[in-house]
């Protein structure tokens, strides 16, 4: 049995790579499986990721929001870009960061080539995603979309404590006992 299969038995998922469509499909399948197993038990999502593809990340985000069960999120190491959106998507009150974690928001990026018309289409799509991501992060942090537009214009790094003050996480914890004391269901993780 792989370590990931063993973690899955305890309702623990781990995103420890850049997020692409393959990673997104695996995480979504795991989330749906755990929902079917027991829609009343929390799922614990540990994140150490530099972010990745917006469409794959948003597929995970939408699935988290779709589930009936709570999703407890933890930043261990880093949650950057799209991974920050997933960290913030955890159930309010159940979003954690370890003390030396780093969190980063920024506007989406992409590369476009080809004819001028194709480049213009790609630019419109990136602008649309930027607006969508700012609205999503605003919903979870309480920051205004206008503030997010300013903060995410360039890479905006935060410590765990700064991410808490920003509203991306609810608690900074040093060990599992701390998270269990705050959220009793975290004891299962």
C-alpha atoms as a PDB file:
ATOM      1  CA  UNK A   1       0.000   0.000   0.000  1.00  0.00           C
ATOM      2  CA  UNK A   2       1.410   3.401  -0.955  1.00  0.00           C
ATOM      3  CA  UNK A   3       1.667   6.188   1.581  1.00  0.00           C
ATOM      4  CA  UNK A   4      -0.977   8.144  -0.367  1.00  0.00           C
ATOM      5  CA  UNK A   5      -3.400   5.204  -0.238  1.00  0.00           C
ATOM      6  CA  UNK A   6      -2.815   4.918   3.494  1.00  0.00           C
ATOM      7  CA  UNK A   7      -3.492   8.641   3.976  1.00  0.00           C
ATOM      8  CA  UNK A   8      -6.666   8.359   1.893  1.00  0.00           C
ATOM      9  CA  UNK A   9      -7.973   5.729   4.342  1.00  0.00           C
ATOM     10  CA  UNK A  10      -7.765   8.431   7.025  1.00  0.00           C
ATOM     11  CA  UNK A  11      -9.481  10.999   4.754  1.00  0.00           C
ATOM     12  CA  UNK A  12      -6.219  12.862   4.168  1.00  0.00           C
ATOM     13  CA  UNK A  13      -5.295  14.245   0.745  1.00  0.00           C
ATOM     14  CA  UNK A  14      -1.977  15.839  -0.135  1.00  0.00           C
ATOM     15  CA  UNK A  15      -1.186  18.248  -2.960  1.00  0.00           C
ATOM     16  CA  UNK A  16       2.602  18.408  -3.049  1.00  0.00           C
ATOM     17  CA  UNK A  17       3.256  19.270  -6.680  1.00  0.00           C
ATOM     18  CA  UNK A  18       2.318  21.928  -9.202  1.00  0.00           C
ATOM     19  CA  UNK A  19      -1.370  21.669 -10.063  1.00  0.00           C
ATOM     20  CA  UNK A  20      -2.034  20.445 -13.581  1.00  0.00           C
ATOM     21  CA  UNK A  21      -4.996  18.637 -15.119  1.00  0.00           C
ATOM     22  CA  UNK A  22      -3.665  15.220 -14.069  1.00  0.00           C
ATOM     23  CA  UNK A  23      -3.197  16.275 -10.437  1.00  0.00           C
ATOM     24  CA  UNK A  24      -6.612  17.952 -10.480  1.00  0.00           C
ATOM     25  CA  UNK A  25      -8.336  14.815 -11.775  1.00  0.00           C
ATOM     26  CA  UNK A  26      -6.752  12.642  -9.071  1.00  0.00           C
ATOM     27  CA  UNK A  27      -7.627  15.091  -6.268  1.00  0.00           C
ATOM     28  CA  UNK A  28     -11.197  15.487  -7.559  1.00  0.00           C
ATOM     29  CA  UNK A  29     -11.643  11.708  -7.732  1.00  0.00           C
ATOM     30  CA  UNK A  30     -10.337  11.374  -4.166  1.00  0.00           C
ATOM     31  CA  UNK A  31     -12.627  14.144  -2.900  1.00  0.00           C
ATOM     32  CA  UNK A  32     -15.659  12.549  -4.546  1.00  0.00           C
ATOM     33  CA  UNK A  33     -14.712   9.107  -3.238  1.00  0.00           C
ATOM     34  CA  UNK A  34     -14.422  10.399   0.331  1.00  0.00           C
ATOM     35  CA  UNK A  35     -17.728  12.261  -0.011  1.00  0.00           C
ATOM     36  CA  UNK A  36     -19.402   9.008  -1.058  1.00  0.00           C
ATOM     37  CA  UNK A  37     -17.748   7.101   1.801  1.00  0.00           C
ATOM     38  CA  UNK A  38     -19.114   9.443   4.478  1.00  0.00           C
ATOM     39  CA  UNK A  39     -20.612  12.864   3.668  1.00  0.00           C
ATOM     40  CA  UNK A  40     -20.595  13.838   7.359  1.00  0.00           C
ATOM     41  CA  UNK A  41     -16.863  13.361   8.040  1.00  0.00           C
ATOM     42  CA  UNK A  42     -14.278  16.040   7.363  1.00  0.00           C
ATOM     43  CA  UNK A  43     -11.723  15.690   4.580  1.00  0.00           C
ATOM     44  CA  UNK A  44      -8.222  16.964   5.393  1.00  0.00           C
ATOM     45  CA  UNK A  45      -6.340  18.594   2.500  1.00  0.00           C
ATOM     46  CA  UNK A  46      -2.641  19.298   3.053  1.00  0.00           C
ATOM     47  CA  UNK A  47      -1.067  21.720   0.570  1.00  0.00           C
ATOM     48  CA  UNK A  48       2.584  22.299  -0.323  1.00  0.00           C
ATOM     49  CA  UNK A  49       2.319  23.577  -3.877  1.00  0.00           C
ATOM     50  CA  UNK A  50       3.591  26.429  -6.039  1.00  0.00           C
ATOM     51  CA  UNK A  51       0.200  26.589  -7.770  1.00  0.00           C
ATOM     52  CA  UNK A  52      -0.384  25.737 -11.382  1.00  0.00           C
ATOM     53  CA  UNK A  53      -2.979  25.642 -14.121  1.00  0.00           C
ATOM     54  CA  UNK A  54      -5.998  27.816 -13.307  1.00  0.00           C
ATOM     55  CA  UNK A  55      -8.571  25.534 -14.944  1.00  0.00           C
ATOM     56  CA  UNK A  56      -7.338  22.465 -13.069  1.00  0.00           C
ATOM     57  CA  UNK A  57      -7.178  24.382  -9.805  1.00  0.00           C
ATOM     58  CA  UNK A  58     -10.659  25.787 -10.259  1.00  0.00           C
ATOM     59  CA  UNK A  59     -11.978  22.287 -10.959  1.00  0.00           C
ATOM     60  CA  UNK A  60     -10.639  21.251  -7.530  1.00  0.00           C
ATOM     61  CA  UNK A  61     -12.047  24.453  -5.992  1.00  0.00           C
ATOM     62  CA  UNK A  62     -15.519  23.869  -7.434  1.00  0.00           C
ATOM     63  CA  UNK A  63     -15.461  20.268  -6.217  1.00  0.00           C
ATOM     64  CA  UNK A  64     -14.521  21.365  -2.679  1.00  0.00           C
ATOM     65  CA  UNK A  65     -17.422  23.817  -2.697  1.00  0.00           C
ATOM     66  CA  UNK A  66     -19.752  21.137  -4.131  1.00  0.00           C
ATOM     67  CA  UNK A  67     -19.138  18.625  -1.342  1.00  0.00           C
ATOM     68  CA  UNK A  68     -21.467  18.246   1.627  1.00  0.00           C
ATOM     69  CA  UNK A  69     -18.669  17.481   4.075  1.00  0.00           C
ATOM     70  CA  UNK A  70     -16.297  20.057   5.497  1.00  0.00           C
ATOM     71  CA  UNK A  71     -12.831  20.326   3.990  1.00  0.00           C
ATOM     72  CA  UNK A  72     -10.080  21.200   6.453  1.00  0.00           C
ATOM     73  CA  UNK A  73      -7.105  22.818   4.696  1.00  0.00           C
ATOM     74  CA  UNK A  74      -3.510  23.023   5.888  1.00  0.00           C
ATOM     75  CA  UNK A  75      -0.593  24.918   4.363  1.00  0.00           C
ATOM     76  CA  UNK A  76       2.650  23.089   4.990  1.00  0.00           C
ATOM     77  CA  UNK A  77       5.589  24.739   3.258  1.00  0.00           C
ATOM     78  CA  UNK A  78       3.915  26.866   0.633  1.00  0.00           C
ATOM     79  CA  UNK A  79       0.603  27.615  -0.984  1.00  0.00           C
ATOM     80  CA  UNK A  80       1.189  29.907  -3.925  1.00  0.00           C
ATOM     81  CA  UNK A  81      -1.029  31.163  -6.704  1.00  0.00           C
ATOM     82  CA  UNK A  82      -3.777  28.602  -7.422  1.00  0.00           C
ATOM     83  CA  UNK A  83      -2.799  26.645  -4.302  1.00  0.00           C
ATOM     84  CA  UNK A  84      -3.671  29.713  -2.204  1.00  0.00           C
ATOM     85  CA  UNK A  85      -7.180  29.663  -3.658  1.00  0.00           C
ATOM     86  CA  UNK A  86      -7.530  26.035  -2.549  1.00  0.00           C
ATOM     87  CA  UNK A  87      -6.173  26.835   0.907  1.00  0.00           C
ATOM     88  CA  UNK A  88      -8.713  29.649   1.307  1.00  0.00           C
ATOM     89  CA  UNK A  89     -11.517  27.384   0.026  1.00  0.00           C
ATOM     90  CA  UNK A  90     -11.425  25.247   3.149  1.00  0.00           C
ATOM     91  CA  UNK A  91     -14.340  25.393   5.537  1.00  0.00           C
ATOM     92  CA  UNK A  92     -14.322  28.661   7.478  1.00  0.00           C
ATOM     93  CA  UNK A  93     -12.762  28.100  10.877  1.00  0.00           C
ATOM     94  CA  UNK A  94     -10.937  25.006   9.586  1.00  0.00           C
ATOM     95  CA  UNK A  95      -8.145  26.591   7.529  1.00  0.00           C
ATOM     96  CA  UNK A  96      -4.672  26.186   9.014  1.00  0.00           C
ATOM     97  CA  UNK A  97      -1.070  27.119   8.280  1.00  0.00           C
ATOM     98  CA  UNK A  98       2.071  25.851   9.947  1.00  0.00           C
ATOM     99  CA  UNK A  99       4.282  28.621  11.391  1.00  0.00           C
ATOM    100  CA  UNK A 100       6.918  28.750   8.651  1.00  0.00           C
ATOM    101  CA  UNK A 101       4.542  28.387   5.722  1.00  0.00           C
ATOM    102  CA  UNK A 102       4.557  30.918   2.920  1.00  0.00           C
ATOM    103  CA  UNK A 103       1.450  31.996   1.050  1.00  0.00           C
ATOM    104  CA  UNK A 104       1.462  33.962  -2.200  1.00  0.00           C
ATOM    105  CA  UNK A 105      -1.194  35.553  -4.382  1.00  0.00           C
ATOM    106  CA  UNK A 106      -0.735  37.098  -7.805  1.00  0.00           C
ATOM    107  CA  UNK A 107      -2.578  37.594 -11.043  1.00  0.00           C
ATOM    108  CA  UNK A 108      -2.755  34.654 -13.448  1.00  0.00           C
ATOM    109  CA  UNK A 109      -0.191  34.425 -16.185  1.00  0.00           C
ATOM    110  CA  UNK A 110      -0.066  32.700 -19.514  1.00  0.00           C
ATOM    111  CA  UNK A 111       1.753  32.579 -22.759  1.00  0.00           C
ATOM    112  CA  UNK A 112       0.157  33.266 -26.083  1.00  0.00           C
ATOM    113  CA  UNK A 113       1.529  32.857 -29.522  1.00  0.00           C
ATOM    114  CA  UNK A 114       0.255  32.817 -33.028  1.00  0.00           C
ATOM    115  CA  UNK A 115      -1.798  35.376 -34.864  1.00  0.00           C
ATOM    116  CA  UNK A 116      -2.763  38.703 -33.319  1.00  0.00           C
ATOM    117  CA  UNK A 117      -6.404  37.620 -33.040  1.00  0.00           C
ATOM    118  CA  UNK A 118      -5.402  34.503 -31.068  1.00  0.00           C
ATOM    119  CA  UNK A 119      -3.216  36.557 -28.734  1.00  0.00           C
ATOM    120  CA  UNK A 120      -6.115  38.970 -28.125  1.00  0.00           C
ATOM    121  CA  UNK A 121      -8.436  36.054 -27.302  1.00  0.00           C
ATOM    122  CA  UNK A 122      -5.893  34.635 -24.832  1.00  0.00           C
ATOM    123  CA  UNK A 123      -5.431  38.058 -23.202  1.00  0.00           C
ATOM    124  CA  UNK A 124      -9.206  38.423 -22.707  1.00  0.00           C
ATOM    125  CA  UNK A 125      -9.325  34.986 -21.115  1.00  0.00           C
ATOM    126  CA  UNK A 126      -6.512  35.807 -18.667  1.00  0.00           C
ATOM    127  CA  UNK A 127      -8.260  39.058 -17.703  1.00  0.00           C
ATOM    128  CA  UNK A 128     -11.515  37.148 -17.155  1.00  0.00           C
ATOM    129  CA  UNK A 129      -9.723  34.607 -14.954  1.00  0.00           C
ATOM    130  CA  UNK A 130      -8.095  37.397 -12.966  1.00  0.00           C
ATOM    131  CA  UNK A 131     -11.508  38.897 -12.218  1.00  0.00           C
ATOM    132  CA  UNK A 132     -12.930  35.493 -11.290  1.00  0.00           C
ATOM    133  CA  UNK A 133     -10.017  34.609  -9.005  1.00  0.00           C
ATOM    134  CA  UNK A 134     -10.200  37.984  -7.256  1.00  0.00           C
ATOM    135  CA  UNK A 135     -13.929  37.457  -6.644  1.00  0.00           C
ATOM    136  CA  UNK A 136     -13.311  33.956  -5.283  1.00  0.00           C
ATOM    137  CA  UNK A 137     -10.521  35.040  -2.929  1.00  0.00           C
ATOM    138  CA  UNK A 138     -12.623  38.025  -1.839  1.00  0.00           C
ATOM    139  CA  UNK A 139     -15.463  35.677  -0.897  1.00  0.00           C
ATOM    140  CA  UNK A 140     -13.182  33.649   1.383  1.00  0.00           C
ATOM    141  CA  UNK A 141     -11.057  36.420   2.900  1.00  0.00           C
ATOM    142  CA  UNK A 142     -13.422  39.359   3.254  1.00  0.00           C
ATOM    143  CA  UNK A 143     -11.010  41.563   1.293  1.00  0.00           C
ATOM    144  CA  UNK A 144     -12.563  43.721  -1.393  1.00  0.00           C
ATOM    145  CA  UNK A 145     -12.058  42.827  -5.032  1.00  0.00           C
ATOM    146  CA  UNK A 146     -10.426  46.232  -5.462  1.00  0.00           C
ATOM    147  CA  UNK A 147      -7.902  45.448  -2.702  1.00  0.00           C
ATOM    148  CA  UNK A 148      -7.175  42.073  -4.277  1.00  0.00           C
ATOM    149  CA  UNK A 149      -6.585  43.720  -7.651  1.00  0.00           C
ATOM    150  CA  UNK A 150      -3.916  45.890  -6.021  1.00  0.00           C
ATOM    151  CA  UNK A 151      -2.355  43.144  -3.910  1.00  0.00           C
ATOM    152  CA  UNK A 152      -2.304  40.531  -6.676  1.00  0.00           C
ATOM    153  CA  UNK A 153      -0.894  42.831  -9.356  1.00  0.00           C
ATOM    154  CA  UNK A 154       2.531  41.321  -8.607  1.00  0.00           C
ATOM    155  CA  UNK A 155       3.665  38.438  -6.404  1.00  0.00           C
ATOM    156  CA  UNK A 156       2.390  39.180  -2.880  1.00  0.00           C
ATOM    157  CA  UNK A 157       4.057  36.934  -0.307  1.00  0.00           C
ATOM    158  CA  UNK A 158       2.780  36.403   3.218  1.00  0.00           C
ATOM    159  CA  UNK A 159       3.991  34.603   6.299  1.00  0.00           C
ATOM    160  CA  UNK A 160       1.576  32.269   8.054  1.00  0.00           C
ATOM    161  CA  UNK A 161       0.609  35.049  10.476  1.00  0.00           C
ATOM    162  CA  UNK A 162       0.139  37.518   7.614  1.00  0.00           C
ATOM    163  CA  UNK A 163      -2.033  34.969   5.766  1.00  0.00           C
ATOM    164  CA  UNK A 164      -4.156  34.709   8.910  1.00  0.00           C
ATOM    165  CA  UNK A 165      -4.493  38.490   9.139  1.00  0.00           C
ATOM    166  CA  UNK A 166      -5.381  38.559   5.419  1.00  0.00           C
ATOM    167  CA  UNK A 167      -8.163  35.999   5.953  1.00  0.00           C
ATOM    168  CA  UNK A 168      -6.699  33.156   3.885  1.00  0.00           C
ATOM    169  CA  UNK A 169      -6.325  30.920   6.950  1.00  0.00           C
ATOM    170  CA  UNK A 170      -8.029  30.990  10.322  1.00  0.00           C
ATOM    171  CA  UNK A 171      -5.301  29.569  12.533  1.00  0.00           C
ATOM    172  CA  UNK A 172      -1.528  29.193  12.677  1.00  0.00           C
ATOM    173  CA  UNK A 173      -0.657  25.969  14.487  1.00  0.00           C
ATOM    174  CA  UNK A 174       2.570  24.225  15.409  1.00  0.00           C
ATOM    175  CA  UNK A 175       1.268  20.681  15.781  1.00  0.00           C
ATOM    176  CA  UNK A 176      -1.727  18.436  15.236  1.00  0.00           C
ATOM    177  CA  UNK A 177      -2.768  18.783  18.878  1.00  0.00           C
ATOM    178  CA  UNK A 178      -3.187  22.533  18.352  1.00  0.00           C
ATOM    179  CA  UNK A 179      -5.467  21.993  15.355  1.00  0.00           C
ATOM    180  CA  UNK A 180      -7.408  19.282  17.220  1.00  0.00           C
ATOM    181  CA  UNK A 181      -8.008  21.660  20.125  1.00  0.00           C
ATOM    182  CA  UNK A 182      -9.391  24.270  17.726  1.00  0.00           C
ATOM    183  CA  UNK A 183     -11.326  21.856  15.515  1.00  0.00           C
ATOM    184  CA  UNK A 184     -12.109  18.537  17.221  1.00  0.00           C
ATOM    185  CA  UNK A 185     -12.516  16.759  13.876  1.00  0.00           C
ATOM    186  CA  UNK A 186      -8.911  17.663  13.054  1.00  0.00           C
ATOM    187  CA  UNK A 187      -7.891  15.068  15.645  1.00  0.00           C
ATOM    188  CA  UNK A 188      -8.682  12.403  13.051  1.00  0.00           C
ATOM    189  CA  UNK A 189      -5.905  13.765  10.864  1.00  0.00           C
END
